[in-house]
Amino acid sequence: MLSTLVPVPAVSAPTRLRLPDLLHTTDRAADDVLSGRYDRLLRGLPRDDRWYTRLSGDDEVEVWLISWVPDKSTELHDHGGSLGALTVVSGALRETRWDGELLRKRRLTAGDQAAFPLGWVHDVVHAPAAVSGPTLSVHAYSPPLTAMSYYEVTPQNTLRRNRTELTDAPEG
């Protein structure tokens, strides 16, 4: 019996960049924040309210600096068709992510990194830290964000999408 090879279409990634590339990008940008390169952007920003500012971006990747304050949640969300990564610059964050069956939590402190493949659903919040001061993190998305979907966990322990919002910023 002869077998015929059927060509399998290549799965195209949404970007040429990989998660390690985005982790490297956020690490470099975090170093730049710590070295004072972006101090001009930080002047006048509130210390007790949530904010974000774009550090750089093009058609391939965008980099954001985000502040985190107590009692402000991002809600369970994904990043649409974008890959993502973050580096914690100062303070601490708590990430709650959906692993396909249940919610898992982890704490990220200054210097820690996390990467978000396609389909990653998580919530990120400020976590109390031993050191006072703002919690800051650098995030990179590739391609740049265009949409974010928001979710809830149902009583049947499944994930349900509540809404999708078009966006050009790290907050819908």
Foldseek 3Di string as FASTA:
>chain_A
DDDDDDDDDDDDALAPDDQVNQQVVQVVVLVCVVVPVCVVVVPPDDFADKDKDWPDADQWKTKMKIWAHPPDKLAWKFQPRKKKKKAKNAAKKKKWWDPQQATDIDMHHHGDMDIGDPPTIIMMHGDGDPDDGITMMMMMITRQGQKMWHWDQDPVRGIDTDDMDTDRDPHD
